[in-house]
């Protein structure tokens, strides 16, 4: 798989960029503005309420790997918001994506990852690319980028993420076969005894890691929610065996420049809705 040349991003420390390319992750503390952080918190409240109402209407407490009022993974809803695109396709996120993926970037996925106060469940060791491989055993896709953006200060007590560097997980060029927990629905790709590196970071940070990195998260044992917004980007479309897309492939950065067109994106979604009717 060809790896594109990474353009310079002056505000991101070179040692962090080198760490990403060698070990699969970097941590950029307090880089999201206070105004944008407030917007993300407000949007999170809306989508949590939306998901609870949806599950209540269906009379279910579990939907996929979502557990009502406990643990949430609310995916691909930004088109329902008038503001989220301003963060997903911001120059801030363009810089982070270019520093890790190179000069060509697309949105692959975006989701809220939330653990409720005092009971938000843990999440098993996995690679994000393991979810693609689980559905397509022969996948050879390039690693994509996960941007784990905490809306609250995170630590081991409230269910922060734990990362396993490539040098300890052997994952720089490898996607493990994942099994599935029959009760939680979680995919599990690592069952070794390495505890990983616990991330402690303030709200507004960006923990950027490769989709090949093993990672997990603990339970939230504190009296407050632990909220994370998680956009993911790829350098090229990630395709299924039949040629269809895994996730999305919304143009974001081309030749090192932010080219996202919000009006065109929304128009394309409206056309897709009509075609589905």
Protein backbone atom coordinates (compact mmCIF):
# COMPACT_ATOMS: atom_id res chain seq x y z
CA UNK A 1 0.00 0.00 0.00
CA UNK A 2 1.40 3.39 -1.00
CA UNK A 3 1.92 5.94 1.79
CA UNK A 4 1.56 9.57 0.71
CA UNK A 5 4.05 12.26 1.59
CA UNK A 6 2.97 14.06 4.76
CA UNK A 7 2.78 17.86 4.29
CA UNK A 8 4.25 20.07 7.04
CA UNK A 9 1.86 21.17 9.80
CA UNK A 10 3.81 23.77 11.82
CA UNK A 11 1.68 23.86 14.98
CA UNK A 12 1.77 20.09 15.56
CA UNK A 13 5.05 19.09 17.30
CA UNK A 14 7.25 16.97 15.06
CA UNK A 15 7.86 14.48 17.86
CA UNK A 16 4.11 13.84 18.03
CA UNK A 17 3.90 13.33 14.25
CA UNK A 18 6.88 10.95 14.40
CA UNK A 19 5.24 9.07 17.29
CA UNK A 20 2.08 8.65 15.25
CA UNK A 21 3.95 7.19 12.30
CA UNK A 22 6.12 4.94 14.48
CA UNK A 23 3.76 3.93 17.29
CA UNK A 24 0.35 4.77 15.83
CA UNK A 25 -0.84 7.60 18.06
CA UNK A 26 -0.31 11.19 19.16
CA UNK A 27 -1.92 13.34 21.84
CA UNK A 28 -2.62 17.03 21.21
CA UNK A 29 -3.77 18.61 24.45
CA UNK A 30 -6.35 21.45 24.67
CA UNK A 31 -6.41 22.28 20.95
CA UNK A 32 -10.20 22.58 20.49
CA UNK A 33 -11.43 26.10 21.23
CA UNK A 34 -13.74 26.75 24.18
CA UNK A 35 -16.51 27.95 21.83
CA UNK A 36 -16.32 24.83 19.70
CA UNK A 37 -16.13 22.62 22.78
CA UNK A 38 -19.40 24.15 24.01
CA UNK A 39 -21.03 23.49 20.63
CA UNK A 40 -19.92 19.85 20.73
CA UNK A 41 -21.31 19.43 24.26
CA UNK A 42 -24.67 20.89 23.21
CA UNK A 43 -24.81 18.68 20.12
CA UNK A 44 -23.93 15.66 22.25
CA UNK A 45 -26.90 16.33 24.55
CA UNK A 46 -29.22 16.49 21.56
CA UNK A 47 -28.04 13.22 20.05
CA UNK A 48 -28.14 11.38 23.38
CA UNK A 49 -31.75 12.45 23.79
CA UNK A 50 -32.48 11.43 20.21
CA UNK A 51 -30.99 7.96 20.73
CA UNK A 52 -32.82 7.42 24.03
CA UNK A 53 -36.12 8.44 22.40
CA UNK A 54 -35.46 6.13 19.45
CA UNK A 55 -34.74 3.14 21.70
CA UNK A 56 -37.72 3.94 23.94
CA UNK A 57 -40.01 4.06 20.90
CA UNK A 58 -38.73 0.64 19.83
CA UNK A 59 -39.09 -0.72 23.37
CA UNK A 60 -35.47 -1.88 23.49
CA UNK A 61 -32.58 -1.29 25.89
CA UNK A 62 -29.87 -2.46 23.48
CA UNK A 63 -29.31 -1.50 19.85
CA UNK A 64 -26.18 -2.96 18.28
CA UNK A 65 -23.39 -2.08 20.73
CA UNK A 66 -25.45 0.75 22.28
CA UNK A 67 -26.83 0.23 25.77
CA UNK A 68 -29.55 2.71 26.70
CA UNK A 69 -28.52 5.19 29.40
CA UNK A 70 -25.27 3.31 29.81
CA UNK A 71 -22.91 3.21 26.80
CA UNK A 72 -23.46 4.89 23.44
CA UNK A 73 -21.93 4.74 19.95
CA UNK A 74 -24.10 7.09 17.86
CA UNK A 75 -22.78 7.09 14.31
CA UNK A 76 -23.09 9.13 11.13
CA UNK A 77 -25.67 11.69 12.24
CA UNK A 78 -23.84 14.94 11.46
CA UNK A 79 -26.16 15.68 8.53
CA UNK A 80 -28.93 16.06 11.13
CA UNK A 81 -27.06 18.99 12.70
CA UNK A 82 -26.58 22.53 11.41
CA UNK A 83 -23.27 22.91 13.28
CA UNK A 84 -21.29 19.66 13.50
CA UNK A 85 -19.83 20.02 10.02
CA UNK A 86 -18.03 23.16 11.21
CA UNK A 87 -15.88 20.96 13.46
CA UNK A 88 -15.57 17.83 11.31
CA UNK A 89 -14.36 19.81 8.30
CA UNK A 90 -12.50 22.56 10.16
CA UNK A 91 -8.96 23.60 9.32
CA UNK A 92 -7.98 22.20 12.74
CA UNK A 93 -9.11 18.71 11.74
CA UNK A 94 -7.65 19.14 8.26
CA UNK A 95 -4.24 19.80 9.83
CA UNK A 96 -4.47 16.74 12.09
CA UNK A 97 -5.60 14.55 9.20
CA UNK A 98 -2.86 15.79 6.86
CA UNK A 99 -0.16 15.29 9.50
CA UNK A 100 -1.16 11.64 9.78
CA UNK A 101 -2.67 10.61 6.43
CA UNK A 102 -1.09 12.94 3.90
CA UNK A 103 -2.51 15.50 1.42
CA UNK A 104 -5.64 13.52 0.43
CA UNK A 105 -8.32 13.09 3.11
CA UNK A 106 -11.97 12.00 3.21
CA UNK A 107 -14.44 11.63 6.06
CA UNK A 108 -14.89 7.93 6.78
CA UNK A 109 -17.12 7.97 9.87
CA UNK A 110 -18.14 10.12 12.83
CA UNK A 111 -19.75 9.15 16.08
CA UNK A 112 -20.46 10.02 19.69
CA UNK A 113 -18.90 7.68 22.25
CA UNK A 114 -20.46 8.30 25.66
CA UNK A 115 -20.36 6.48 29.01
CA UNK A 116 -23.07 7.23 31.54
CA UNK A 117 -22.23 8.30 35.09
CA UNK A 118 -21.30 5.49 37.51
CA UNK A 119 -22.27 2.69 35.13
CA UNK A 120 -20.88 3.41 31.67
CA UNK A 121 -19.54 0.01 30.62
CA UNK A 122 -16.02 -0.80 29.47
CA UNK A 123 -15.11 -1.62 25.85
CA UNK A 124 -12.86 -4.50 24.81
CA UNK A 125 -9.43 -4.47 23.14
CA UNK A 126 -9.88 -4.04 19.40
CA UNK A 127 -8.58 -2.36 16.28
CA UNK A 128 -11.00 -0.08 14.47
CA UNK A 129 -9.91 -1.78 11.26
CA UNK A 130 -10.89 -5.06 12.92
CA UNK A 131 -14.51 -4.08 12.36
CA UNK A 132 -13.82 -3.79 8.64
CA UNK A 133 -11.94 -7.10 8.57
CA UNK A 134 -14.73 -8.79 10.51
CA UNK A 135 -16.96 -8.15 7.49
CA UNK A 136 -14.25 -8.59 4.84
CA UNK A 137 -11.52 -11.07 5.81
CA UNK A 138 -9.32 -10.22 2.82
CA UNK A 139 -9.33 -6.44 3.30
CA UNK A 140 -6.06 -4.65 2.49
CA UNK A 141 -7.11 -1.09 3.25
CA UNK A 142 -4.64 1.52 4.43
CA UNK A 143 -4.94 2.51 8.09
CA UNK A 144 -7.46 5.26 8.63
CA UNK A 145 -7.40 7.90 11.36
CA UNK A 146 -9.46 8.01 14.53
CA UNK A 147 -9.66 11.39 16.31
CA UNK A 148 -10.84 10.71 19.88
CA UNK A 149 -11.91 14.15 21.13
CA UNK A 150 -12.91 14.24 24.83
CA UNK A 151 -15.55 16.78 25.83
CA UNK A 152 -14.68 16.18 29.49
CA UNK A 153 -11.36 15.76 31.27
CA UNK A 154 -10.55 12.05 30.93
CA UNK A 155 -8.70 9.65 33.21
CA UNK A 156 -8.79 6.04 34.33
CA UNK A 157 -11.67 6.71 36.72
CA UNK A 158 -14.14 7.90 34.08
CA UNK A 159 -13.39 5.39 31.35
CA UNK A 160 -10.61 6.90 29.28
CA UNK A 161 -9.04 5.15 26.32
CA UNK A 162 -6.02 2.84 26.68
CA UNK A 163 -3.65 2.55 23.71
CA UNK A 164 -1.27 -0.24 22.78
CA UNK A 165 1.64 1.20 20.76
CA UNK A 166 2.61 -0.61 17.57
CA UNK A 167 5.90 -1.73 19.14
CA UNK A 168 3.96 -3.55 21.88
CA UNK A 169 1.02 -4.78 19.85
CA UNK A 170 2.83 -5.69 16.62
CA UNK A 171 0.17 -3.81 14.67
CA UNK A 172 2.00 -1.37 12.41
CA UNK A 173 1.20 -3.41 9.29
CA UNK A 174 -1.27 -5.98 10.58
CA UNK A 175 -4.98 -6.33 11.33
CA UNK A 176 -5.81 -9.14 13.75
CA UNK A 177 -8.72 -11.53 13.38
CA UNK A 178 -11.35 -10.46 15.90
CA UNK A 179 -13.83 -12.60 17.79
CA UNK A 180 -17.17 -11.29 19.03
CA UNK A 181 -18.45 -11.29 22.58
CA UNK A 182 -21.91 -12.87 22.38
CA UNK A 183 -23.34 -10.73 25.19
CA UNK A 184 -21.97 -7.24 24.53
CA UNK A 185 -21.50 -7.51 20.77
CA UNK A 186 -17.96 -6.10 21.18
CA UNK A 187 -15.26 -7.34 18.84
CA UNK A 188 -12.13 -8.55 20.64
CA UNK A 189 -8.75 -8.66 18.92
CA UNK A 190 -6.30 -8.87 21.83
CA UNK A 191 -6.42 -10.95 25.00
CA UNK A 192 -2.86 -10.49 26.24
CA UNK A 193 -1.78 -9.05 29.57
CA UNK A 194 -0.34 -5.71 28.42
CA UNK A 195 -2.55 -3.07 30.11
CA UNK A 196 -1.78 -0.43 27.49
CA UNK A 197 -1.13 3.27 28.05
CA UNK A 198 -3.95 5.06 29.88
CA UNK A 199 -4.70 8.46 28.36
CA UNK A 200 -5.22 11.31 30.81
CA UNK A 201 -6.04 14.51 28.98
CA UNK A 202 -8.09 17.69 29.44
CA UNK A 203 -11.33 18.36 27.62
CA UNK A 204 -10.72 19.79 24.17
CA UNK A 205 -7.75 17.54 23.40
CA UNK A 206 -7.42 15.31 20.34
CA UNK A 207 -6.10 11.78 20.77
CA UNK A 208 -5.29 10.75 17.20
CA UNK A 209 -4.57 7.08 16.54
CA UNK A 210 -4.32 4.66 13.67
CA UNK A 211 -7.14 2.25 12.92
CA UNK A 212 -4.53 -0.52 13.27
CA UNK A 213 -3.79 0.30 16.94
CA UNK A 214 -5.26 -1.90 19.63
CA UNK A 215 -7.22 0.18 22.12
CA UNK A 216 -9.82 -0.30 24.82
CA UNK A 217 -11.64 1.80 27.42
CA UNK A 218 -12.55 1.29 31.06
CA UNK A 219 -15.82 1.75 32.90
CA UNK A 220 -16.94 5.17 34.13
CA UNK A 221 -16.97 5.03 37.94
CA UNK A 222 -17.50 8.77 38.49
CA UNK A 223 -20.78 10.69 39.08
CA UNK A 224 -20.52 12.50 35.72
CA UNK A 225 -20.83 11.40 32.08
CA UNK A 226 -17.72 10.83 30.00
CA UNK A 227 -18.37 12.29 26.54
CA UNK A 228 -16.23 11.90 23.43
CA UNK A 229 -16.76 12.99 19.83
CA UNK A 230 -14.94 10.82 17.33
CA UNK A 231 -14.54 11.76 13.65
CA UNK A 232 -12.57 9.31 11.51
CA UNK A 233 -10.80 10.05 8.24
CA UNK A 234 -9.25 7.98 5.46
CA UNK A 235 -6.80 8.74 2.68
CA UNK A 236 -8.93 6.88 0.13
CA UNK A 237 -12.34 5.19 -0.05
CA UNK A 238 -12.50 1.93 1.91
CA UNK A 239 -14.37 -0.54 -0.25
CA UNK A 240 -16.35 -3.70 0.37
CA UNK A 241 -15.76 -6.79 -1.79
CA UNK A 242 -18.75 -5.82 -3.97
CA UNK A 243 -17.35 -2.33 -4.57
CA UNK A 244 -19.65 -0.60 -2.10
CA UNK A 245 -18.35 1.72 0.60
CA UNK A 246 -17.51 0.96 4.19
CA UNK A 247 -18.66 4.10 5.97
CA UNK A 248 -18.43 7.30 3.95
CA UNK A 249 -15.99 8.95 1.56
CA UNK A 250 -16.83 12.66 1.77
CA UNK A 251 -14.11 14.80 0.10
CA UNK A 252 -12.32 16.92 2.69
CA UNK A 253 -8.68 17.64 1.76
CA UNK A 254 -7.22 17.51 -1.76
CA UNK A 255 -3.63 18.33 -2.65
CA UNK A 256 -3.14 19.61 0.89
CA UNK A 257 -6.08 22.06 0.82
CA UNK A 258 -9.44 21.98 2.60
CA UNK A 259 -11.98 21.54 -0.21
CA UNK A 260 -15.10 20.60 1.74
CA UNK A 261 -18.27 22.07 0.20
CA UNK A 262 -21.12 21.96 2.72
CA UNK A 263 -23.85 22.92 0.23
CA UNK A 264 -22.75 20.22 -2.21
CA UNK A 265 -22.55 17.64 0.59
CA UNK A 266 -26.10 18.37 1.76
CA UNK A 267 -27.44 18.41 -1.81
CA UNK A 268 -25.89 15.01 -2.47
CA UNK A 269 -27.53 13.62 0.67
CA UNK A 270 -30.92 14.94 -0.41
CA UNK A 271 -30.51 13.29 -3.82
CA UNK A 272 -29.57 10.01 -2.13
CA UNK A 273 -32.72 10.19 0.02
CA UNK A 274 -34.90 10.64 -3.07
CA UNK A 275 -33.17 7.74 -4.83
CA UNK A 276 -33.91 5.50 -1.83
CA UNK A 277 -37.63 6.30 -1.87
